[in-house]
């Protein structure tokens, strides 16, 4: 015990124990509230990751279990990279994801900025309520509405086309119409709800900055450029980084409901291909490998976006 290093380590250990005991006495109920959340992630998020071992096996047999298959290394990945479907799936997934990012991500920001400029609180509340409602509509109902609106027999879309002199068309069997319907319906359904975060960020901007700007003669546009946008920029960057982490995850449920055999050329993405291979064709090992490849790309994009953001403006997730 005369060793100074050992004495220092003992003191640090006692200090740490004292800190944890004091922290537990002060905030034990908060820590107990974390238990269900941690249990959820452990059971439903981290536990199933054991199944990615199927990616390196030739097939899956329930009788043999996950560890009982024939190990084939990276053959499933190689087979996917060399398959006819690879470039079609990658291009469709990237195009849908990038269009959703370019069109869908700024939409709630613009809506929040416009609502922030509205001075009549009754009109503002009415617009907010109306814009939030589509978020609560089921994807199945949304796709049903799209099919009704695009009907040849009195569908709203074809009535509008007829008003401008165009002939009626079958939207759900036209491969060129799949992406616009998917992107725009997503914007309609999600922009209002997503704008809540940006409205909260706007509410956090100190009003004294606006008063000082008005005294200096700044108009609405200059206030927007020099106060409002910089004020919400950290929120925008954090949400953009999170969005990059799921850029390869197109809305599987909606695409599956919307796509038809005639639109496979533009609507078939990695997630729908994984579903067909795993659930319909029973090739769980191959579909698991494709899903793992998709997740690795998402993870790499998340790390890259976070690194670039941290280097560019010191705002990042970690």
Protein backbone atom coordinates (compact mmCIF):
# COMPACT_ATOMS: atom_id res chain seq x y z
CA UNK A 1 0.00 0.00 0.00
CA UNK A 2 3.06 2.29 0.16
CA UNK A 3 3.16 2.33 -3.64
CA UNK A 4 1.99 5.85 -4.66
CA UNK A 5 0.35 4.53 -7.84
CA UNK A 6 -1.64 1.91 -5.90
CA UNK A 7 -2.71 4.53 -3.37
CA UNK A 8 -3.84 6.84 -6.19
CA UNK A 9 -5.86 4.05 -7.84
CA UNK A 10 -7.50 3.18 -4.51
CA UNK A 11 -8.50 6.80 -3.93
CA UNK A 12 -9.91 7.07 -7.48
CA UNK A 13 -11.86 3.84 -7.04
CA UNK A 14 -13.40 5.04 -3.77
CA UNK A 15 -14.20 8.39 -5.37
CA UNK A 16 -15.96 6.70 -8.28
CA UNK A 17 -17.98 4.47 -5.95
CA UNK A 18 -18.97 7.46 -3.87
CA UNK A 19 -20.04 9.31 -7.05
CA UNK A 20 -22.19 6.42 -8.29
CA UNK A 21 -23.84 5.95 -4.89
CA UNK A 22 -24.64 9.65 -4.63
CA UNK A 23 -25.92 9.73 -8.22
CA UNK A 24 -28.13 6.70 -7.59
CA UNK A 25 -29.65 8.25 -4.43
CA UNK A 26 -30.40 11.49 -6.26
CA UNK A 27 -31.76 10.15 -9.56
CA UNK A 28 -32.74 6.52 -8.95
CA UNK A 29 -36.28 7.01 -10.30
CA UNK A 30 -34.93 8.49 -13.53
CA UNK A 31 -32.61 5.52 -13.95
CA UNK A 32 -35.51 3.14 -13.26
CA UNK A 33 -37.46 4.85 -16.06
CA UNK A 34 -34.62 3.90 -18.41
CA UNK A 35 -35.06 0.19 -17.70
CA UNK A 36 -38.04 -0.42 -20.09
CA UNK A 37 -36.27 1.55 -22.84
CA UNK A 38 -33.06 -0.42 -22.44
CA UNK A 39 -35.02 -3.68 -22.31
CA UNK A 40 -36.82 -2.76 -25.55
CA UNK A 41 -33.58 -2.09 -27.42
CA UNK A 42 -31.87 -5.18 -26.01
CA UNK A 43 -34.75 -7.52 -26.86
CA UNK A 44 -36.02 -6.11 -30.15
CA UNK A 45 -32.96 -4.33 -31.63
CA UNK A 46 -29.74 -5.94 -30.40
CA UNK A 47 -31.06 -9.46 -29.72
CA UNK A 48 -32.19 -10.14 -33.32
CA UNK A 49 -28.74 -9.06 -34.61
CA UNK A 50 -27.69 -12.61 -33.79
CA UNK A 51 -29.54 -13.55 -36.97
CA UNK A 52 -27.04 -11.78 -39.25
CA UNK A 53 -24.92 -14.93 -38.98
CA UNK A 54 -27.29 -16.36 -41.61
CA UNK A 55 -25.59 -14.05 -44.12
CA UNK A 56 -22.58 -16.34 -44.12
CA UNK A 57 -24.46 -19.62 -44.52
CA UNK A 58 -25.87 -21.37 -47.58
CA UNK A 59 -29.37 -21.85 -46.16
CA UNK A 60 -31.39 -21.77 -42.97
CA UNK A 61 -33.09 -24.74 -41.40
CA UNK A 62 -35.34 -24.25 -38.33
CA UNK A 63 -34.43 -27.78 -37.22
CA UNK A 64 -30.67 -27.00 -37.18
CA UNK A 65 -30.94 -23.46 -35.86
CA UNK A 66 -28.91 -20.43 -36.82
CA UNK A 67 -25.59 -22.02 -35.93
CA UNK A 68 -26.33 -25.30 -37.69
CA UNK A 69 -26.11 -24.20 -41.33
CA UNK A 70 -23.28 -24.66 -43.82
CA UNK A 71 -20.84 -21.74 -43.60
CA UNK A 72 -19.94 -20.32 -47.03
CA UNK A 73 -18.20 -17.05 -46.12
CA UNK A 74 -19.08 -14.09 -48.34
CA UNK A 75 -20.62 -16.14 -51.19
CA UNK A 76 -24.11 -14.69 -50.63
CA UNK A 77 -22.74 -11.15 -50.95
CA UNK A 78 -20.76 -12.06 -54.06
CA UNK A 79 -23.84 -13.65 -55.62
CA UNK A 80 -25.84 -10.48 -54.97
CA UNK A 81 -23.15 -8.17 -56.40
CA UNK A 82 -22.93 -10.29 -59.55
CA UNK A 83 -26.68 -10.73 -59.99
CA UNK A 84 -28.76 -9.12 -62.71
CA UNK A 85 -30.85 -7.30 -60.09
CA UNK A 86 -27.98 -5.56 -58.26
CA UNK A 87 -27.67 -2.33 -60.25
CA UNK A 88 -31.43 -2.00 -60.74
CA UNK A 89 -32.05 -2.34 -57.00
CA UNK A 90 -29.21 0.02 -56.08
CA UNK A 91 -30.24 2.70 -58.56
CA UNK A 92 -33.93 2.53 -57.63
CA UNK A 93 -33.14 2.67 -53.90
CA UNK A 94 -30.72 5.57 -54.29
CA UNK A 95 -32.99 7.55 -56.62
CA UNK A 96 -36.03 7.19 -54.33
CA UNK A 97 -33.97 7.97 -51.22
CA UNK A 98 -32.20 10.98 -52.72
CA UNK A 99 -35.44 12.39 -54.14
CA UNK A 100 -37.06 11.95 -50.73
CA UNK A 101 -34.09 13.73 -49.16
CA UNK A 102 -33.94 16.61 -51.65
CA UNK A 103 -37.71 17.20 -51.82
CA UNK A 104 -38.99 15.75 -48.57
CA UNK A 105 -36.41 17.06 -46.09
CA UNK A 106 -36.71 20.81 -46.85
CA UNK A 107 -40.54 20.67 -46.99
CA UNK A 108 -41.17 20.72 -43.20
CA UNK A 109 -38.49 23.41 -42.77
CA UNK A 110 -40.18 25.66 -45.33
CA UNK A 111 -43.60 24.96 -43.76
CA UNK A 112 -42.28 25.82 -40.29
CA UNK A 113 -40.68 29.05 -41.56
CA UNK A 114 -43.94 30.07 -43.24
CA UNK A 115 -45.99 29.27 -40.15
CA UNK A 116 -43.53 31.23 -38.04
CA UNK A 117 -44.31 34.33 -40.11
CA UNK A 118 -48.08 34.04 -39.61
CA UNK A 119 -49.28 36.54 -37.02
CA UNK A 120 -52.94 35.45 -36.81
CA UNK A 121 -52.79 32.68 -34.22
CA UNK A 122 -56.21 31.22 -35.14
CA UNK A 123 -55.21 30.85 -38.78
CA UNK A 124 -51.83 29.48 -37.72
CA UNK A 125 -53.46 26.87 -35.45
CA UNK A 126 -55.89 25.86 -38.20
CA UNK A 127 -53.08 25.38 -40.72
CA UNK A 128 -51.00 23.40 -38.22
CA UNK A 129 -53.92 21.11 -37.37
CA UNK A 130 -54.74 20.46 -41.01
CA UNK A 131 -51.09 19.77 -41.86
CA UNK A 132 -50.67 17.36 -38.92
CA UNK A 133 -53.71 15.21 -39.73
CA UNK A 134 -52.22 13.22 -42.69
CA UNK A 135 -49.54 11.87 -40.35
CA UNK A 136 -52.21 9.86 -38.51
CA UNK A 137 -53.56 8.23 -41.64
CA UNK A 138 -52.44 4.65 -42.18
CA UNK A 139 -50.14 3.93 -45.12
CA UNK A 140 -52.72 1.42 -46.36
CA UNK A 141 -55.38 4.14 -46.40
CA UNK A 142 -53.03 6.59 -48.13
CA UNK A 143 -52.31 4.09 -50.91
CA UNK A 144 -56.05 3.37 -51.16
CA UNK A 145 -56.70 7.10 -51.54
CA UNK A 146 -54.05 7.31 -54.27
CA UNK A 147 -55.69 4.45 -56.14
CA UNK A 148 -59.09 6.12 -55.85
CA UNK A 149 -57.77 9.50 -56.98
CA UNK A 150 -55.97 7.92 -59.95
CA UNK A 151 -58.95 5.85 -61.09
CA UNK A 152 -59.83 6.04 -64.79
CA UNK A 153 -63.48 6.35 -63.87
CA UNK A 154 -63.83 9.76 -62.24
CA UNK A 155 -60.49 9.84 -60.42
CA UNK A 156 -59.36 13.28 -59.26
CA UNK A 157 -55.98 13.08 -61.03
CA UNK A 158 -57.55 12.20 -64.36
CA UNK A 159 -60.19 14.93 -63.95
CA UNK A 160 -57.35 17.46 -63.53
CA UNK A 161 -55.58 16.01 -66.58
CA UNK A 162 -58.79 16.30 -68.56
CA UNK A 163 -59.14 19.95 -67.51
CA UNK A 164 -55.80 20.68 -69.21
CA UNK A 165 -56.68 18.64 -72.30
CA UNK A 166 -54.73 15.45 -71.51
CA UNK A 167 -56.13 11.95 -71.88
CA UNK A 168 -56.86 9.80 -68.86
CA UNK A 169 -54.10 7.40 -67.83
CA UNK A 170 -53.53 4.51 -65.42
CA UNK A 171 -51.12 5.95 -62.88
CA UNK A 172 -50.44 2.71 -61.00
CA UNK A 173 -49.30 0.82 -64.10
CA UNK A 174 -47.12 3.63 -65.45
CA UNK A 175 -43.52 3.18 -64.28
CA UNK A 176 -42.77 6.89 -64.78
CA UNK A 177 -45.52 7.93 -62.35
CA UNK A 178 -44.43 5.73 -59.45
CA UNK A 179 -41.69 8.05 -58.13
CA UNK A 180 -43.71 11.30 -58.26
CA UNK A 181 -46.67 9.67 -56.50
CA UNK A 182 -44.41 8.10 -53.86
CA UNK A 183 -42.41 11.27 -53.14
CA UNK A 184 -45.29 13.76 -53.18
CA UNK A 185 -47.58 11.58 -51.08
CA UNK A 186 -44.77 11.24 -48.52
CA UNK A 187 -44.39 15.03 -48.42
CA UNK A 188 -48.14 15.49 -48.01
CA UNK A 189 -48.28 12.93 -45.21
CA UNK A 190 -45.16 13.87 -43.27
CA UNK A 191 -44.30 17.54 -43.76
CA UNK A 192 -46.77 18.90 -41.22
CA UNK A 193 -45.79 16.48 -38.48
CA UNK A 194 -42.05 16.91 -39.08
CA UNK A 195 -42.43 20.69 -38.92
CA UNK A 196 -43.15 20.42 -35.17
CA UNK A 197 -39.45 20.00 -34.43
CA UNK A 198 -38.52 23.06 -36.45
CA UNK A 199 -41.29 25.14 -34.90
CA UNK A 200 -39.93 24.17 -31.49
CA UNK A 201 -36.45 25.24 -32.60
CA UNK A 202 -37.85 28.53 -33.89
CA UNK A 203 -39.58 29.14 -30.55
CA UNK A 204 -36.21 28.82 -28.83
CA UNK A 205 -34.66 31.77 -30.67
CA UNK A 206 -34.29 34.81 -28.42
CA UNK A 207 -36.85 37.44 -29.47
CA UNK A 208 -34.42 40.21 -28.47
CA UNK A 209 -32.38 39.36 -31.56
CA UNK A 210 -35.36 40.20 -33.78
CA UNK A 211 -36.00 43.45 -31.88
CA UNK A 212 -32.36 44.47 -32.27
CA UNK A 213 -32.47 43.60 -35.98
CA UNK A 214 -35.65 45.66 -36.52
CA UNK A 215 -34.04 48.63 -34.75
CA UNK A 216 -31.13 48.31 -37.18
CA UNK A 217 -33.55 48.41 -40.09
CA UNK A 218 -33.48 44.73 -41.04
CA UNK A 219 -36.53 43.53 -42.95
CA UNK A 220 -38.22 40.12 -42.76
CA UNK A 221 -35.91 38.59 -45.36
CA UNK A 222 -32.73 39.74 -43.61
CA UNK A 223 -34.09 38.55 -40.25
CA UNK A 224 -34.76 35.17 -41.84
CA UNK A 225 -31.26 34.94 -43.29
CA UNK A 226 -29.28 36.22 -40.33
CA UNK A 227 -31.33 35.15 -37.29
CA UNK A 228 -33.93 32.50 -38.05
CA UNK A 229 -31.93 30.15 -40.26
CA UNK A 230 -28.76 30.25 -38.10
CA UNK A 231 -30.99 29.69 -35.04
CA UNK A 232 -32.48 26.43 -36.34
CA UNK A 233 -29.38 25.24 -38.20
CA UNK A 234 -28.14 22.89 -35.40
CA UNK A 235 -31.54 21.15 -35.40
CA UNK A 236 -31.50 20.92 -39.19
CA UNK A 237 -28.00 19.41 -39.22
CA UNK A 238 -28.76 16.83 -36.53
CA UNK A 239 -31.93 15.70 -38.31
CA UNK A 240 -30.09 15.60 -41.63
CA UNK A 241 -27.38 13.37 -40.13
CA UNK A 242 -30.05 11.03 -38.74
CA UNK A 243 -31.75 11.01 -42.13
CA UNK A 244 -28.47 10.04 -43.81
CA UNK A 245 -28.33 7.01 -41.51
CA UNK A 246 -31.50 5.63 -43.05
CA UNK A 247 -31.14 6.90 -46.59
CA UNK A 248 -31.12 3.37 -48.05
CA UNK A 249 -34.29 2.46 -46.15
CA UNK A 250 -37.09 3.47 -48.47
CA UNK A 251 -40.62 3.12 -47.10
CA UNK A 252 -40.88 -0.63 -47.63
CA UNK A 253 -44.54 -0.94 -46.66
CA UNK A 254 -45.70 1.85 -48.93
CA UNK A 255 -43.62 0.71 -51.90
CA UNK A 256 -44.89 -2.84 -51.52
CA UNK A 257 -48.48 -1.60 -51.52
CA UNK A 258 -47.94 0.74 -54.46
CA UNK A 259 -45.81 -1.35 -56.79
CA UNK A 260 -47.17 -3.55 -59.55
CA UNK A 261 -45.42 -5.87 -61.96
CA UNK A 262 -45.54 -3.13 -64.59
CA UNK A 263 -43.62 -0.69 -62.33
CA UNK A 264 -40.88 -3.05 -61.09
CA UNK A 265 -38.34 -1.24 -63.25
CA UNK A 266 -38.62 1.90 -61.10
CA UNK A 267 -40.23 0.65 -57.87
CA UNK A 268 -38.22 -2.42 -56.98
CA UNK A 269 -35.81 -1.49 -54.15
CA UNK A 270 -33.52 -3.46 -51.86
CA UNK A 271 -36.08 -3.80 -49.05
CA UNK A 272 -38.81 -5.19 -51.33
CA UNK A 273 -36.30 -7.59 -52.93
CA UNK A 274 -35.26 -8.78 -49.46
CA UNK A 275 -38.92 -9.41 -48.64
CA UNK A 276 -39.49 -11.44 -51.80
CA UNK A 277 -36.34 -13.51 -51.32
CA UNK A 278 -36.84 -14.16 -47.63
CA UNK A 279 -40.61 -14.44 -47.19
CA UNK A 280 -41.94 -15.51 -50.59
CA UNK A 281 -39.05 -17.61 -51.93
CA UNK A 282 -37.82 -18.87 -48.54
CA UNK A 283 -34.15 -18.00 -49.09
CA UNK A 284 -33.51 -16.44 -45.69
CA UNK A 285 -29.72 -16.65 -45.86
CA UNK A 286 -29.49 -14.73 -49.14
CA UNK A 287 -32.03 -12.10 -48.04
CA UNK A 288 -30.22 -11.64 -44.72
CA UNK A 289 -26.97 -10.99 -46.59
CA UNK A 290 -28.65 -8.33 -48.76
CA UNK A 291 -30.24 -6.72 -45.70
CA UNK A 292 -26.87 -6.66 -43.93
CA UNK A 293 -25.25 -5.03 -46.95
CA UNK A 294 -27.96 -2.37 -46.90
CA UNK A 295 -27.45 -1.71 -43.19
CA UNK A 296 -23.67 -1.42 -43.57
CA UNK A 297 -24.12 1.27 -46.24
CA UNK A 298 -26.52 3.18 -43.98
CA UNK A 299 -24.06 2.96 -41.10
CA UNK A 300 -21.20 4.19 -43.29
CA UNK A 301 -23.29 7.12 -44.54
CA UNK A 302 -24.23 8.02 -40.96
CA UNK A 303 -20.57 8.01 -39.88
CA UNK A 304 -19.53 10.01 -42.93
CA UNK A 305 -22.24 12.65 -42.51
CA UNK A 306 -21.46 12.98 -38.81
CA UNK A 307 -17.71 13.34 -39.51
CA UNK A 308 -18.22 15.96 -42.23
CA UNK A 309 -20.64 17.93 -40.07
CA UNK A 310 -18.26 17.88 -37.09
CA UNK A 311 -15.39 19.11 -39.23
CA UNK A 312 -17.45 21.74 -41.05
CA UNK A 313 -19.41 23.41 -38.26
CA UNK A 314 -18.72 21.48 -35.02
CA UNK A 315 -22.31 20.17 -34.87
CA UNK A 316 -22.58 16.40 -34.70
CA UNK A 317 -24.24 13.50 -32.93
CA UNK A 318 -21.03 12.57 -31.12
